[in-house]
N, C-alpha and C. Protein backbone atom coordinates (compact mmCIF):
# COMPACT_ATOMS: atom_id res chain seq x y z
N MET A 1 37.65 -21.51 -0.93
CA MET A 1 37.47 -19.52 -0.96
C MET A 1 36.81 -18.83 -0.16
N ILE A 2 37.57 -17.91 0.19
CA ILE A 2 36.85 -16.44 1.02
C ILE A 2 36.68 -15.56 0.04
N GLU A 3 34.84 -15.37 0.52
CA GLU A 3 34.44 -15.13 -0.27
C GLU A 3 34.48 -13.69 0.49
N THR A 4 34.58 -12.44 -0.45
CA THR A 4 34.85 -10.79 -0.47
C THR A 4 33.86 -9.62 -1.11
N GLU A 5 33.52 -8.92 -1.05
CA GLU A 5 33.20 -7.64 -1.45
C GLU A 5 34.42 -6.75 -2.94
N GLY A 6 35.62 -7.31 -2.04
CA GLY A 6 36.57 -6.43 -3.21
C GLY A 6 38.09 -6.05 -2.07
N LEU A 7 38.70 -5.83 -2.91
CA LEU A 7 39.13 -4.45 -2.27
C LEU A 7 38.94 -4.05 -0.93
N THR A 8 39.45 -3.73 0.27
CA THR A 8 38.90 -2.52 1.48
C THR A 8 39.06 -1.13 1.40
N HIS A 9 40.66 -1.10 1.01
CA HIS A 9 41.62 0.01 0.75
C HIS A 9 43.05 0.05 0.15
N LEU A 10 44.08 0.63 -0.29
CA LEU A 10 45.08 1.06 -0.63
C LEU A 10 45.68 2.17 0.39
N HIS A 11 46.95 1.47 1.67
CA HIS A 11 47.04 2.03 2.72
C HIS A 11 48.63 2.67 2.15
N LEU A 12 48.96 4.46 1.80
CA LEU A 12 50.21 4.83 1.34
C LEU A 12 50.32 5.18 2.73
N PHE A 13 52.16 5.17 2.59
CA PHE A 13 52.65 5.95 3.64
C PHE A 13 52.76 7.48 2.84
N VAL A 14 52.96 8.72 3.13
CA VAL A 14 53.48 9.32 2.90
C VAL A 14 54.74 10.56 4.08
N ALA A 15 55.18 11.41 3.10
CA ALA A 15 55.97 12.05 3.71
C ALA A 15 55.06 13.19 4.70
N ASP A 16 54.24 14.28 3.46
CA ASP A 16 53.71 15.22 4.64
C ASP A 16 52.21 15.14 3.84
N LEU A 17 51.24 15.23 5.12
CA LEU A 17 50.08 14.53 5.33
C LEU A 17 48.96 15.48 4.59
N ASP A 18 49.85 16.48 4.71
CA ASP A 18 49.40 17.96 3.95
C ASP A 18 49.18 17.35 2.76
N ARG A 19 50.09 18.02 2.42
CA ARG A 19 50.43 17.39 0.92
C ARG A 19 49.92 16.79 0.03
N SER A 20 49.80 15.47 0.83
CA SER A 20 48.74 14.27 0.08
C SER A 20 47.54 14.56 -0.25
N LEU A 21 47.73 14.55 0.87
CA LEU A 21 45.71 14.97 0.89
C LEU A 21 45.03 15.95 0.12
N ARG A 22 45.74 17.08 -0.35
CA ARG A 22 45.36 17.69 -1.03
C ARG A 22 45.68 17.72 -2.72
N PHE A 23 46.80 16.37 -3.01
CA PHE A 23 46.85 15.74 -3.81
C PHE A 23 45.70 15.65 -4.46
N TYR A 24 45.54 14.93 -3.61
CA TYR A 24 44.52 13.27 -4.02
C TYR A 24 42.77 13.88 -4.16
N ARG A 25 42.81 14.85 -3.11
CA ARG A 25 41.86 15.97 -3.86
C ARG A 25 41.62 16.78 -4.48
N GLU A 26 42.23 17.46 -4.92
CA GLU A 26 42.76 17.92 -6.41
C GLU A 26 42.12 17.32 -7.53
N VAL A 27 43.27 16.29 -7.43
CA VAL A 27 42.95 15.47 -9.10
C VAL A 27 42.34 14.65 -9.16
N PHE A 28 41.91 13.92 -7.58
CA PHE A 28 41.28 12.72 -7.95
C PHE A 28 39.76 12.65 -7.52
N GLY A 29 39.28 13.80 -6.72
CA GLY A 29 38.08 14.38 -6.11
C GLY A 29 38.08 14.01 -4.94
N LEU A 30 39.17 12.92 -4.48
CA LEU A 30 38.86 12.05 -3.55
C LEU A 30 38.16 12.78 -2.19
N GLU A 31 37.36 12.37 -1.29
CA GLU A 31 36.36 13.27 -0.40
C GLU A 31 36.99 12.51 1.46
N GLU A 32 37.80 13.25 2.27
CA GLU A 32 38.00 12.59 3.64
C GLU A 32 36.35 11.85 3.98
N MET A 33 36.70 10.91 4.60
CA MET A 33 35.40 9.92 5.32
C MET A 33 35.77 10.68 7.32
N PHE A 34 37.18 9.44 7.23
CA PHE A 34 37.54 10.30 8.55
C PHE A 34 38.98 10.00 8.88
N ARG A 35 39.61 10.01 9.96
CA ARG A 35 40.79 10.17 10.53
C ARG A 35 40.80 9.52 11.60
N ASP A 36 42.34 8.57 12.09
CA ASP A 36 42.56 8.17 12.98
C ASP A 36 43.69 8.35 13.52
N GLY A 37 43.95 9.58 14.38
CA GLY A 37 44.67 10.02 14.90
C GLY A 37 45.04 11.07 13.59
N PRO A 38 46.03 11.93 14.08
CA PRO A 38 47.07 13.54 13.60
C PRO A 38 47.42 12.69 12.61
N LYS A 39 47.83 11.93 11.69
CA LYS A 39 49.60 11.52 11.09
C LYS A 39 48.14 10.63 9.55
N MET A 40 46.73 10.47 10.08
CA MET A 40 46.06 9.25 8.56
C MET A 40 44.94 9.49 8.85
N VAL A 41 44.75 9.89 6.51
CA VAL A 41 43.66 10.23 6.94
C VAL A 41 42.52 9.27 6.30
N PHE A 42 41.55 9.21 6.09
CA PHE A 42 41.08 7.75 4.86
C PHE A 42 39.85 8.80 4.16
N LEU A 43 40.21 8.13 2.82
CA LEU A 43 39.70 9.45 1.58
C LEU A 43 38.78 8.34 0.84
N ARG A 44 37.99 8.49 0.07
CA ARG A 44 37.20 7.18 -0.98
C ARG A 44 36.14 9.42 -2.23
N PRO A 45 36.84 8.30 -3.50
CA PRO A 45 35.46 8.86 -4.20
C PRO A 45 34.28 8.82 -3.75
N PRO A 46 33.56 10.57 -4.33
CA PRO A 46 32.39 10.87 -3.17
C PRO A 46 31.28 8.96 -4.30
N THR A 47 31.13 8.33 -5.19
CA THR A 47 30.42 7.79 -5.16
C THR A 47 30.88 6.31 -5.27
N SER A 48 32.08 5.67 -4.63
CA SER A 48 32.27 4.75 -4.97
C SER A 48 32.85 3.78 -3.73
N SER A 49 33.00 2.90 -3.07
CA SER A 49 33.15 2.63 -2.12
C SER A 49 34.81 2.50 -1.47
N ASP A 50 35.16 2.57 -2.57
CA ASP A 50 37.23 2.25 -2.68
C ASP A 50 37.50 3.59 -1.76
N THR A 51 38.48 2.86 -0.75
CA THR A 51 38.71 3.85 -0.05
C THR A 51 40.28 3.75 -0.20
N ILE A 52 41.42 4.81 0.10
CA ILE A 52 42.65 5.04 -0.07
C ILE A 52 43.35 6.30 1.63
N THR A 53 44.31 4.94 2.54
CA THR A 53 44.18 5.27 4.19
C THR A 53 45.72 6.28 2.88
N LEU A 54 45.86 7.77 3.53
CA LEU A 54 47.12 8.37 4.41
C LEU A 54 48.24 8.49 5.01
N ASN A 55 49.03 7.75 5.67
CA ASN A 55 49.15 7.28 6.61
C ASN A 55 50.85 8.93 7.20
N GLU A 56 51.30 9.46 7.33
CA GLU A 56 52.01 10.51 7.31
C GLU A 56 53.04 9.13 8.50
N VAL A 57 54.13 8.62 7.15
CA VAL A 57 55.63 8.28 7.82
C VAL A 57 56.69 8.03 7.25
N PRO A 58 56.78 9.51 7.41
CA PRO A 58 58.19 10.11 6.28
C PRO A 58 58.99 9.13 5.83
N ASP A 59 60.14 8.74 6.91
CA ASP A 59 61.07 7.40 6.86
C ASP A 59 60.50 6.49 5.94
N LYS A 60 59.39 5.92 4.95
CA LYS A 60 59.15 5.16 4.67
C LYS A 60 58.32 5.53 2.78
N ALA A 61 58.14 6.40 3.23
CA ALA A 61 57.12 7.61 2.08
C ALA A 61 57.20 6.94 0.84
N GLY A 62 56.89 7.07 -0.16
CA GLY A 62 57.29 5.97 -1.97
C GLY A 62 58.19 5.06 -1.45
N ALA A 63 58.38 4.42 -0.07
CA ALA A 63 59.11 3.23 -0.53
C ALA A 63 57.82 1.96 -1.49
N THR A 64 58.01 1.13 -2.14
CA THR A 64 57.20 -0.01 -2.98
C THR A 64 56.70 -1.20 -2.13
N GLY A 65 57.52 -1.74 -1.87
CA GLY A 65 57.57 -3.20 -0.73
C GLY A 65 57.17 -4.06 -1.86
N GLY A 66 57.82 -3.81 -2.89
CA GLY A 66 56.72 -4.78 -4.38
C GLY A 66 55.63 -4.38 -5.24
N ILE A 67 55.13 -3.17 -4.67
CA ILE A 67 54.05 -3.37 -5.24
C ILE A 67 54.77 -1.91 -6.75
N ASP A 68 53.95 -2.16 -7.79
CA ASP A 68 54.61 -1.41 -8.83
C ASP A 68 53.44 -0.07 -9.62
N HIS A 69 52.46 -0.23 -9.54
CA HIS A 69 51.29 1.08 -9.39
C HIS A 69 50.57 0.64 -8.97
N PHE A 70 49.73 1.50 -8.84
CA PHE A 70 48.41 1.28 -8.56
C PHE A 70 47.31 2.31 -9.75
N GLY A 71 45.75 1.73 -10.17
CA GLY A 71 45.01 2.75 -10.78
C GLY A 71 43.87 3.19 -10.79
N PHE A 72 43.60 4.68 -11.38
CA PHE A 72 42.82 5.05 -11.51
C PHE A 72 42.11 5.15 -13.04
N ARG A 73 40.41 4.35 -12.88
CA ARG A 73 39.81 4.98 -14.14
C ARG A 73 39.67 5.65 -15.02
N LEU A 74 39.52 6.45 -16.22
CA LEU A 74 38.51 7.62 -16.15
C LEU A 74 37.70 7.68 -16.66
N ALA A 75 36.61 8.31 -16.30
CA ALA A 75 35.48 8.46 -16.53
C ALA A 75 35.12 8.72 -18.27
N ASP A 76 36.49 9.90 -18.82
CA ASP A 76 36.74 9.97 -20.58
C ASP A 76 37.80 9.83 -20.65
N LYS A 77 38.07 8.68 -21.52
CA LYS A 77 39.03 8.87 -21.76
C LYS A 77 40.38 9.71 -22.51
N ALA A 78 39.22 10.73 -23.82
CA ALA A 78 39.57 11.59 -24.24
C ALA A 78 39.95 12.84 -23.54
N LYS A 79 39.79 12.05 -21.81
CA LYS A 79 40.72 13.41 -21.16
C LYS A 79 42.06 13.19 -20.75
N LEU A 80 41.97 12.27 -21.07
CA LEU A 80 44.12 11.97 -20.62
C LEU A 80 44.54 12.86 -20.42
N ASP A 81 45.00 13.67 -21.29
CA ASP A 81 45.65 14.85 -21.38
C ASP A 81 45.42 16.12 -20.34
N ASP A 82 44.20 16.36 -19.91
CA ASP A 82 43.65 17.30 -18.91
C ASP A 82 44.19 16.69 -17.85
N ALA A 83 43.83 14.97 -17.39
CA ALA A 83 44.58 14.34 -16.40
C ALA A 83 45.56 14.64 -15.85
N ILE A 84 46.09 14.07 -16.83
CA ILE A 84 48.61 14.24 -16.78
C ILE A 84 48.62 16.41 -16.69
N GLU A 85 47.47 17.00 -17.09
CA GLU A 85 48.19 18.95 -16.50
C GLU A 85 47.20 18.56 -14.65
N GLU A 86 46.60 18.40 -14.75
CA GLU A 86 46.25 18.27 -13.55
C GLU A 86 47.00 17.57 -12.16
N VAL A 87 47.22 16.36 -12.40
CA VAL A 87 48.77 15.37 -11.42
C VAL A 87 49.79 16.90 -11.67
N GLU A 88 50.59 17.77 -12.47
CA GLU A 88 51.51 18.43 -12.84
C GLU A 88 51.57 19.24 -11.99
N GLN A 89 50.10 20.21 -11.63
CA GLN A 89 50.01 21.05 -10.92
C GLN A 89 49.41 21.15 -9.66
N ALA A 90 49.54 19.72 -9.48
CA ALA A 90 49.69 19.16 -7.96
C ALA A 90 50.48 18.78 -7.50
N GLY A 91 51.60 18.93 -8.21
CA GLY A 91 52.71 19.07 -7.63
C GLY A 91 53.10 16.70 -7.80
N GLY A 92 52.66 16.27 -8.96
CA GLY A 92 52.92 15.04 -9.30
C GLY A 92 53.80 15.41 -10.51
N ARG A 93 54.27 14.47 -11.60
CA ARG A 93 54.78 14.39 -12.63
C ARG A 93 54.51 13.23 -13.53
N LEU A 94 54.56 12.80 -14.85
CA LEU A 94 54.39 12.56 -15.32
C LEU A 94 55.25 11.37 -15.38
N ILE A 95 55.36 10.12 -15.64
CA ILE A 95 55.99 9.05 -16.36
C ILE A 95 56.20 9.09 -17.03
N ASP A 96 55.63 7.96 -17.76
CA ASP A 96 55.27 7.49 -19.56
C ASP A 96 53.95 7.89 -19.79
N ARG A 97 53.46 7.05 -20.82
CA ARG A 97 52.37 7.24 -21.55
C ARG A 97 52.29 6.55 -22.78
N GLY A 98 50.82 5.93 -23.38
CA GLY A 98 50.71 5.24 -25.12
C GLY A 98 49.84 4.86 -24.54
N GLU A 99 49.71 3.76 -25.70
CA GLU A 99 48.61 2.85 -25.77
C GLU A 99 49.15 1.47 -25.04
N HIS A 100 48.32 0.57 -24.58
CA HIS A 100 47.95 -0.85 -24.37
C HIS A 100 47.60 -1.79 -25.09
N ALA A 101 47.08 -1.10 -26.25
CA ALA A 101 46.51 -1.34 -27.62
C ALA A 101 45.73 -0.22 -28.27
N PRO A 102 45.73 -0.26 -29.87
CA PRO A 102 44.89 0.42 -30.47
C PRO A 102 43.32 0.65 -29.92
N GLY A 103 43.31 2.53 -29.72
CA GLY A 103 42.81 2.86 -28.81
C GLY A 103 42.22 2.71 -27.60
N SER A 104 43.30 2.08 -26.56
CA SER A 104 43.26 2.41 -24.63
C SER A 104 44.61 2.77 -24.94
N PRO A 105 44.95 4.27 -24.68
CA PRO A 105 45.75 5.24 -23.77
C PRO A 105 45.96 4.85 -22.69
N TYR A 106 47.28 4.94 -21.89
CA TYR A 106 47.59 4.83 -21.23
C TYR A 106 48.39 6.36 -20.04
N ALA A 107 48.48 6.40 -18.85
CA ALA A 107 49.72 7.25 -18.82
C ALA A 107 50.17 6.96 -17.15
N TYR A 108 51.20 6.62 -16.87
CA TYR A 108 52.16 6.28 -16.02
C TYR A 108 52.39 7.92 -15.16
N VAL A 109 51.94 8.43 -14.38
CA VAL A 109 51.76 9.78 -13.36
C VAL A 109 52.60 9.01 -11.81
N ALA A 110 53.06 10.38 -11.13
CA ALA A 110 53.59 9.96 -10.02
C ALA A 110 53.10 10.73 -9.13
N ASP A 111 52.60 10.47 -7.69
CA ASP A 111 52.26 11.54 -6.96
C ASP A 111 53.09 12.25 -6.11
N PRO A 112 52.92 13.30 -5.26
CA PRO A 112 54.34 13.92 -5.06
C PRO A 112 55.02 12.44 -3.92
N ASP A 113 54.87 11.84 -3.66
CA ASP A 113 55.55 11.32 -2.80
C ASP A 113 56.19 10.19 -3.60
N GLY A 114 56.10 10.05 -5.09
CA GLY A 114 56.64 9.58 -5.76
C GLY A 114 55.52 8.26 -6.27
N TYR A 115 54.68 7.03 -5.43
CA TYR A 115 53.57 6.58 -6.10
C TYR A 115 53.32 6.46 -7.28
N THR A 116 53.70 5.33 -8.37
CA THR A 116 52.94 4.91 -9.38
C THR A 116 51.56 4.92 -9.64
N ILE A 117 50.38 6.16 -10.20
CA ILE A 117 49.33 5.86 -10.99
C ILE A 117 48.68 5.82 -11.82
N GLU A 118 48.42 4.96 -12.73
CA GLU A 118 48.08 4.49 -13.91
C GLU A 118 46.69 5.30 -14.03
N LEU A 119 46.71 6.07 -15.31
CA LEU A 119 45.34 6.27 -15.68
C LEU A 119 44.96 6.01 -17.16
């Protein structure tokens, strides 16, 4: 078995780097760590080592490659409606919502490139 400290990052192809950067900053509060050239930026939440890399490759943006979705755990589950509203105001959209089990609400939303995010 290979010993790890967990996942290092999630790498997304996006159509418009500025649009996606704005979305992930506004909706999830991700902060820019650094850039690798003019078309790729590394982001993370302020209190985490989780990383999302946005890479502007328009012809591959939104392609799932077999990955269905990724998720963000809300700090306050009671604010799910507020989170959905923020997603929509930032250019995303609600796909579906419900409960996995009683008292365990969820929502699936899409970012501007169509990637599915579970809240």
